[in-house]
């Protein structure tokens, strides 16, 4: 069964930190395995404390739904059906940019990465940069 290693998770976080520093941001990064369990976590100096839980929730959502959270944050349009996740029924899921699923070279899910520290668009860009 494919797994994400601590070494891989740490590489992703280092790439995310490099991207955040380039943007002048302080961010939090969380990497979860395919079971949505924490593998690696870092909060850059000066990052908001609230971003701790947000980064983990974004990573968890990307694992559970096997999709980038930015793609799940579509605006609600009147007269059209929309995804609805109530916190009571889906605790810990967050449909806002900053979470990306992680796949191995064969396309198997191995985990998810969450970034938090800016706007949803900035967090999405950091998460994607971490995977580059």
N, C-alpha and C. Protein backbone atom coordinates (compact mmCIF):
# COMPACT_ATOMS: atom_id res chain seq x y z
N UNK A 1 0.84 -1.18 0.00
CA UNK A 1 0.00 0.00 0.00
C UNK A 1 0.89 1.25 0.00
N UNK A 2 0.61 2.20 -0.86
CA UNK A 2 1.44 3.40 -0.93
C UNK A 2 1.29 4.24 0.34
N UNK A 3 2.40 4.77 0.78
CA UNK A 3 2.41 5.61 1.98
C UNK A 3 3.24 6.86 1.73
N UNK A 4 2.96 7.91 2.44
CA UNK A 4 3.81 9.08 2.42
C UNK A 4 4.83 8.92 3.54
N UNK A 5 6.08 9.19 3.26
CA UNK A 5 7.12 9.06 4.27
C UNK A 5 7.33 10.41 4.96
N UNK A 6 7.94 10.37 6.12
CA UNK A 6 8.28 11.59 6.83
C UNK A 6 9.25 12.43 5.99
N UNK A 7 10.18 11.76 5.33
CA UNK A 7 11.15 12.47 4.49
C UNK A 7 10.42 13.25 3.38
N UNK A 8 9.47 12.60 2.72
CA UNK A 8 8.69 13.25 1.66
C UNK A 8 7.89 14.42 2.23
N UNK A 9 7.24 14.19 3.36
CA UNK A 9 6.43 15.24 4.00
C UNK A 9 7.30 16.45 4.35
N UNK A 10 8.47 16.20 4.88
CA UNK A 10 9.36 17.30 5.25
C UNK A 10 9.84 18.07 4.02
N UNK A 11 10.08 17.37 2.91
CA UNK A 11 10.47 18.04 1.66
C UNK A 11 9.37 18.99 1.19
N UNK A 12 8.14 18.50 1.26
CA UNK A 12 7.00 19.33 0.86
C UNK A 12 6.92 20.58 1.73
N UNK A 13 7.09 20.41 3.02
CA UNK A 13 7.01 21.54 3.94
C UNK A 13 8.12 22.55 3.66
N UNK A 14 9.32 22.07 3.41
CA UNK A 14 10.44 22.98 3.11
C UNK A 14 10.13 23.78 1.84
N UNK A 15 9.57 23.12 0.83
CA UNK A 15 9.21 23.82 -0.40
C UNK A 15 8.11 24.85 -0.13
N UNK A 16 7.17 24.51 0.74
CA UNK A 16 6.11 25.45 1.10
C UNK A 16 6.67 26.65 1.85
N UNK A 17 7.59 26.41 2.78
CA UNK A 17 8.20 27.51 3.52
C UNK A 17 8.96 28.43 2.57
N UNK A 18 9.69 27.85 1.64
CA UNK A 18 10.43 28.65 0.66
C UNK A 18 9.49 29.55 -0.13
N UNK A 19 8.35 29.00 -0.54
CA UNK A 19 7.36 29.79 -1.29
C UNK A 19 6.75 30.88 -0.41
N UNK A 20 6.45 30.56 0.84
CA UNK A 20 5.88 31.56 1.75
C UNK A 20 6.86 32.70 1.99
N UNK A 21 8.12 32.36 2.21
CA UNK A 21 9.14 33.39 2.43
C UNK A 21 9.29 34.29 1.20
N UNK A 22 9.21 33.70 0.02
CA UNK A 22 9.32 34.48 -1.22
C UNK A 22 8.17 35.49 -1.35
N UNK A 23 7.03 35.15 -0.76
CA UNK A 23 5.85 36.03 -0.81
C UNK A 23 5.76 36.93 0.42
N UNK A 24 6.71 36.81 1.33
CA UNK A 24 6.67 37.61 2.56
C UNK A 24 5.57 37.18 3.51
N UNK A 25 5.23 35.90 3.48
CA UNK A 25 4.15 35.38 4.31
C UNK A 25 4.69 34.50 5.43
N UNK A 26 3.91 34.40 6.50
CA UNK A 26 4.15 33.43 7.57
C UNK A 26 2.99 32.46 7.52
N UNK A 27 3.28 31.18 7.35
CA UNK A 27 2.21 30.22 7.13
C UNK A 27 2.40 28.97 7.98
N UNK A 28 1.38 28.16 7.96
CA UNK A 28 1.37 26.86 8.63
C UNK A 28 1.17 25.80 7.55
N UNK A 29 1.91 24.69 7.69
CA UNK A 29 1.80 23.58 6.74
C UNK A 29 1.55 22.29 7.50
N UNK A 30 0.60 21.50 7.02
CA UNK A 30 0.29 20.20 7.61
C UNK A 30 0.28 19.16 6.51
N UNK A 31 0.91 18.02 6.76
CA UNK A 31 0.90 16.91 5.82
C UNK A 31 0.28 15.72 6.55
N UNK A 32 -0.76 15.14 5.94
CA UNK A 32 -1.45 13.99 6.49
C UNK A 32 -1.24 12.79 5.60
N UNK A 33 -1.37 11.60 6.16
CA UNK A 33 -1.29 10.38 5.35
C UNK A 33 -2.66 10.09 4.74
N UNK A 34 -2.77 8.99 4.00
CA UNK A 34 -4.03 8.69 3.30
C UNK A 34 -5.18 8.36 4.24
N UNK A 35 -4.89 8.13 5.50
CA UNK A 35 -5.93 7.92 6.51
C UNK A 35 -6.28 9.19 7.24
N UNK A 36 -5.72 10.32 6.78
CA UNK A 36 -5.94 11.65 7.34
C UNK A 36 -5.32 11.81 8.73
N UNK A 37 -4.21 11.10 8.97
CA UNK A 37 -3.47 11.22 10.22
C UNK A 37 -2.25 12.09 9.99
N UNK A 38 -1.94 12.94 10.96
CA UNK A 38 -0.84 13.88 10.84
C UNK A 38 0.51 13.16 10.72
N UNK A 39 1.29 13.56 9.71
CA UNK A 39 2.64 13.03 9.49
C UNK A 39 3.66 14.11 9.84
N UNK A 40 3.43 15.35 9.39
CA UNK A 40 4.37 16.44 9.65
C UNK A 40 3.58 17.75 9.73
N UNK A 41 4.10 18.65 10.55
CA UNK A 41 3.42 19.92 10.79
C UNK A 41 4.46 20.97 11.14
N UNK A 42 4.28 22.18 10.63
CA UNK A 42 5.16 23.29 11.01
C UNK A 42 4.38 24.59 10.98
N UNK A 43 4.64 25.44 11.96
CA UNK A 43 4.09 26.79 11.99
C UNK A 43 5.27 27.74 11.95
N UNK A 44 5.34 28.51 10.86
CA UNK A 44 6.42 29.49 10.72
C UNK A 44 6.28 30.55 11.82
N UNK A 45 7.40 31.10 12.26
CA UNK A 45 7.38 32.17 13.25
C UNK A 45 6.47 33.28 12.76
N UNK A 46 5.60 33.73 13.63
CA UNK A 46 4.71 34.83 13.30
C UNK A 46 3.42 34.42 12.61
N UNK A 47 3.25 33.15 12.29
CA UNK A 47 2.00 32.71 11.65
C UNK A 47 0.86 32.73 12.67
N UNK A 48 -0.33 32.98 12.18
CA UNK A 48 -1.50 33.04 13.06
C UNK A 48 -1.73 31.69 13.73
N UNK A 49 -2.07 31.71 15.00
CA UNK A 49 -2.37 30.47 15.72
C UNK A 49 -3.59 29.77 15.14
N UNK A 50 -4.54 30.54 14.66
CA UNK A 50 -5.75 29.96 14.06
C UNK A 50 -5.41 29.12 12.84
N UNK A 51 -4.31 29.45 12.18
CA UNK A 51 -3.92 28.71 10.98
C UNK A 51 -3.54 27.26 11.27
N UNK A 52 -3.21 26.95 12.51
CA UNK A 52 -2.87 25.56 12.86
C UNK A 52 -4.00 24.62 12.49
N UNK A 53 -5.18 24.89 13.02
CA UNK A 53 -6.33 24.03 12.77
C UNK A 53 -6.80 24.12 11.33
N UNK A 54 -6.69 25.31 10.75
CA UNK A 54 -7.13 25.49 9.36
C UNK A 54 -6.28 24.67 8.40
N UNK A 55 -4.96 24.65 8.57
CA UNK A 55 -4.10 23.87 7.69
C UNK A 55 -4.42 22.38 7.79
N UNK A 56 -4.63 21.90 9.00
CA UNK A 56 -4.96 20.49 9.19
C UNK A 56 -6.31 20.17 8.55
N UNK A 57 -7.30 21.04 8.74
CA UNK A 57 -8.63 20.81 8.16
C UNK A 57 -8.58 20.81 6.63
N UNK A 58 -7.78 21.69 6.04
CA UNK A 58 -7.66 21.72 4.59
C UNK A 58 -7.01 20.44 4.07
N UNK A 59 -5.95 19.98 4.75
CA UNK A 59 -5.30 18.73 4.36
C UNK A 59 -6.28 17.56 4.50
N UNK A 60 -7.03 17.53 5.60
CA UNK A 60 -8.00 16.44 5.84
C UNK A 60 -9.06 16.43 4.75
N UNK A 61 -9.56 17.59 4.39
CA UNK A 61 -10.59 17.68 3.35
C UNK A 61 -10.06 17.17 2.03
N UNK A 62 -8.82 17.53 1.69
CA UNK A 62 -8.25 17.09 0.41
C UNK A 62 -8.06 15.58 0.38
N UNK A 63 -7.78 14.97 1.53
CA UNK A 63 -7.66 13.51 1.60
C UNK A 63 -9.03 12.88 1.48
N UNK A 64 -9.96 13.34 2.28
CA UNK A 64 -11.30 12.72 2.33
C UNK A 64 -12.04 12.81 1.00
N UNK A 65 -11.84 13.92 0.27
CA UNK A 65 -12.55 14.11 -0.99
C UNK A 65 -11.65 13.94 -2.21
N UNK A 66 -10.38 13.64 -1.97
CA UNK A 66 -9.39 13.40 -3.03
C UNK A 66 -9.43 14.48 -4.10
N UNK A 67 -9.49 15.73 -3.63
CA UNK A 67 -9.54 16.87 -4.54
C UNK A 67 -8.94 18.09 -3.85
N UNK A 68 -8.42 19.02 -4.65
CA UNK A 68 -7.95 20.28 -4.06
C UNK A 68 -9.13 21.03 -3.44
N UNK A 69 -8.92 21.59 -2.27
CA UNK A 69 -10.03 22.29 -1.61
C UNK A 69 -10.48 23.52 -2.38
N UNK A 70 -9.59 24.13 -3.15
CA UNK A 70 -9.98 25.29 -3.95
C UNK A 70 -11.05 24.91 -4.96
N UNK A 71 -10.97 23.69 -5.49
CA UNK A 71 -11.95 23.23 -6.47
C UNK A 71 -13.31 22.94 -5.83
N UNK A 72 -13.31 22.75 -4.51
CA UNK A 72 -14.55 22.44 -3.80
C UNK A 72 -15.22 23.69 -3.25
N UNK A 73 -14.57 24.82 -3.39
CA UNK A 73 -15.07 26.07 -2.82
C UNK A 73 -15.82 26.90 -3.84
N UNK A 74 -16.51 26.25 -4.75
CA UNK A 74 -17.25 26.97 -5.79
C UNK A 74 -18.32 27.85 -5.16
N UNK A 75 -18.52 29.03 -5.72
CA UNK A 75 -19.55 29.92 -5.17
C UNK A 75 -20.94 29.33 -5.36
N UNK A 76 -21.81 29.66 -4.46
CA UNK A 76 -23.20 29.19 -4.53
C UNK A 76 -23.91 30.01 -5.59
N UNK A 77 -24.61 29.32 -6.50
CA UNK A 77 -25.38 30.00 -7.53
C UNK A 77 -26.85 29.66 -7.34
N UNK A 78 -27.67 30.68 -7.33
CA UNK A 78 -29.10 30.48 -7.14
C UNK A 78 -29.66 29.55 -8.21
N UNK A 79 -30.50 28.62 -7.78
CA UNK A 79 -31.15 27.71 -8.71
C UNK A 79 -30.30 26.53 -9.13
N UNK A 80 -29.07 26.43 -8.62
CA UNK A 80 -28.21 25.30 -8.98
C UNK A 80 -27.86 24.51 -7.73
N UNK A 81 -27.80 23.19 -7.84
CA UNK A 81 -27.43 22.40 -6.67
C UNK A 81 -25.99 22.70 -6.25
N UNK A 82 -25.74 22.61 -4.95
CA UNK A 82 -24.40 22.89 -4.43
C UNK A 82 -24.03 21.84 -3.41
N UNK A 83 -22.74 21.56 -3.33
CA UNK A 83 -22.25 20.69 -2.26
C UNK A 83 -22.54 21.36 -0.93
N UNK A 84 -22.95 20.57 0.05
CA UNK A 84 -23.19 21.13 1.37
C UNK A 84 -22.58 20.21 2.41
N UNK A 85 -21.70 20.77 3.20
CA UNK A 85 -21.09 20.02 4.28
C UNK A 85 -21.36 20.78 5.56
N UNK A 86 -22.14 20.18 6.42
CA UNK A 86 -22.45 20.79 7.71
C UNK A 86 -21.41 20.31 8.71
N UNK A 87 -20.88 21.21 9.50
CA UNK A 87 -19.84 20.85 10.47
C UNK A 87 -20.30 19.70 11.39
N UNK A 88 -21.57 19.66 11.70
CA UNK A 88 -22.07 18.60 12.58
C UNK A 88 -21.93 17.24 11.90
N UNK A 89 -22.14 17.18 10.60
CA UNK A 89 -22.09 15.91 9.89
C UNK A 89 -20.71 15.59 9.33
N UNK A 90 -19.90 16.60 9.11
CA UNK A 90 -18.57 16.41 8.54
C UNK A 90 -17.54 17.22 9.32
N UNK A 91 -17.28 16.84 10.58
CA UNK A 91 -16.35 17.64 11.38
C UNK A 91 -14.94 17.64 10.78
N UNK A 92 -14.34 18.80 10.80
CA UNK A 92 -12.96 18.91 10.37
C UNK A 92 -12.76 19.12 8.89
N UNK A 93 -13.82 19.27 8.10
CA UNK A 93 -13.66 19.53 6.67
C UNK A 93 -13.79 21.03 6.43
N UNK A 94 -12.99 21.52 5.47
CA UNK A 94 -12.98 22.94 5.19
C UNK A 94 -12.89 23.14 3.68
N UNK A 95 -13.93 23.72 3.09
CA UNK A 95 -14.00 23.90 1.65
C UNK A 95 -13.52 25.29 1.26
N UNK A 96 -12.22 25.50 1.40
CA UNK A 96 -11.61 26.78 1.06
C UNK A 96 -10.19 26.49 0.58
N UNK A 97 -9.67 27.28 -0.32
CA UNK A 97 -8.37 27.02 -0.92
C UNK A 97 -7.25 26.83 0.10
N UNK A 98 -6.33 25.92 -0.22
CA UNK A 98 -5.17 25.67 0.63
C UNK A 98 -4.91 24.21 0.92
N UNK A 99 -5.77 23.33 0.46
CA UNK A 99 -5.57 21.89 0.65
C UNK A 99 -5.42 21.18 -0.68
N UNK A 100 -4.44 20.29 -0.77
CA UNK A 100 -4.24 19.52 -2.00
C UNK A 100 -4.00 18.05 -1.65
N UNK A 101 -4.61 17.14 -2.42
CA UNK A 101 -4.32 15.73 -2.20
C UNK A 101 -2.94 15.39 -2.76
N UNK A 102 -2.32 14.38 -2.20
CA UNK A 102 -1.02 13.92 -2.65
C UNK A 102 -1.15 12.52 -3.22
N UNK A 103 -0.60 12.32 -4.41
CA UNK A 103 -0.66 11.03 -5.08
C UNK A 103 0.74 10.55 -5.40
N UNK A 104 0.91 9.22 -5.45
CA UNK A 104 2.22 8.68 -5.85
C UNK A 104 2.28 8.67 -7.39
N UNK A 105 3.37 8.17 -7.93
CA UNK A 105 3.57 8.17 -9.39
C UNK A 105 2.57 7.30 -10.13
N UNK A 106 1.91 6.39 -9.43
CA UNK A 106 0.89 5.54 -10.05
C UNK A 106 -0.52 6.09 -9.89
N UNK A 107 -0.64 7.26 -9.29
CA UNK A 107 -1.95 7.87 -9.11
C UNK A 107 -2.67 7.43 -7.86
N UNK A 108 -2.00 6.74 -6.96
CA UNK A 108 -2.62 6.31 -5.71
C UNK A 108 -2.53 7.42 -4.67
N UNK A 109 -3.62 7.64 -3.95
CA UNK A 109 -3.63 8.64 -2.89
C UNK A 109 -2.67 8.22 -1.79
N UNK A 110 -1.78 9.15 -1.39
CA UNK A 110 -0.87 8.87 -0.28
C UNK A 110 -1.04 9.85 0.86
N UNK A 111 -1.84 10.91 0.65
CA UNK A 111 -2.05 11.87 1.73
C UNK A 111 -2.58 13.19 1.22
N UNK A 112 -2.39 14.21 2.05
CA UNK A 112 -2.83 15.55 1.70
C UNK A 112 -1.98 16.58 2.39
N UNK A 113 -1.92 17.76 1.80
CA UNK A 113 -1.16 18.86 2.35
C UNK A 113 -2.09 20.05 2.52
N UNK A 114 -1.99 20.71 3.66
CA UNK A 114 -2.77 21.92 3.90
C UNK A 114 -1.86 23.08 4.23
N UNK A 115 -2.19 24.25 3.70
CA UNK A 115 -1.44 25.48 3.97
C UNK A 115 -2.43 26.54 4.43
N UNK A 116 -2.01 27.34 5.41
CA UNK A 116 -2.86 28.41 5.90
C UNK A 116 -1.98 29.55 6.40
N UNK A 117 -2.40 30.77 6.10
CA UNK A 117 -1.66 31.93 6.55
C UNK A 117 -2.03 33.19 5.79
N UNK A 118 -2.78 33.04 4.72
CA UNK A 118 -3.17 34.18 3.91
C UNK A 118 -4.61 34.03 3.45
N UNK A 119 -4.89 34.59 2.29
CA UNK A 119 -6.22 34.42 1.70
C UNK A 119 -6.34 33.00 1.17
N UNK A 120 -7.53 32.53 0.87
CA UNK A 120 -7.66 31.20 0.28
C UNK A 120 -6.84 31.05 -1.01
N UNK A 121 -6.78 32.10 -1.81
CA UNK A 121 -6.01 32.05 -3.05
C UNK A 121 -4.51 31.95 -2.75
N UNK A 122 -4.04 32.70 -1.78
CA UNK A 122 -2.63 32.63 -1.39
C UNK A 122 -2.29 31.25 -0.82
N UNK A 123 -3.18 30.73 0.01
CA UNK A 123 -2.95 29.41 0.61
C UNK A 123 -2.93 28.32 -0.45
N UNK A 124 -3.82 28.43 -1.43
CA UNK A 124 -3.82 27.47 -2.53
C UNK A 124 -2.50 27.53 -3.29
N UNK A 125 -2.02 28.73 -3.56
CA UNK A 125 -0.75 28.89 -4.27
C UNK A 125 0.41 28.29 -3.44
N UNK A 126 0.39 28.48 -2.14
CA UNK A 126 1.45 27.90 -1.29
C UNK A 126 1.39 26.38 -1.31
N UNK A 127 0.20 25.82 -1.22
CA UNK A 127 0.07 24.36 -1.24
C UNK A 127 0.56 23.79 -2.56
N UNK A 128 0.22 24.44 -3.65
CA UNK A 128 0.67 23.97 -4.96
C UNK A 128 2.18 24.13 -5.13
N UNK A 129 2.72 25.23 -4.59
CA UNK A 129 4.18 25.44 -4.66
C UNK A 129 4.92 24.39 -3.85
N UNK A 130 4.33 23.96 -2.76
CA UNK A 130 4.95 22.93 -1.92
C UNK A 130 5.08 21.61 -2.69
N UNK A 131 4.18 21.38 -3.62
CA UNK A 131 4.20 20.13 -4.40
C UNK A 131 5.11 20.22 -5.63
N UNK A 132 5.59 21.41 -5.97
CA UNK A 132 6.39 21.59 -7.20
C UNK A 132 7.73 20.87 -7.12
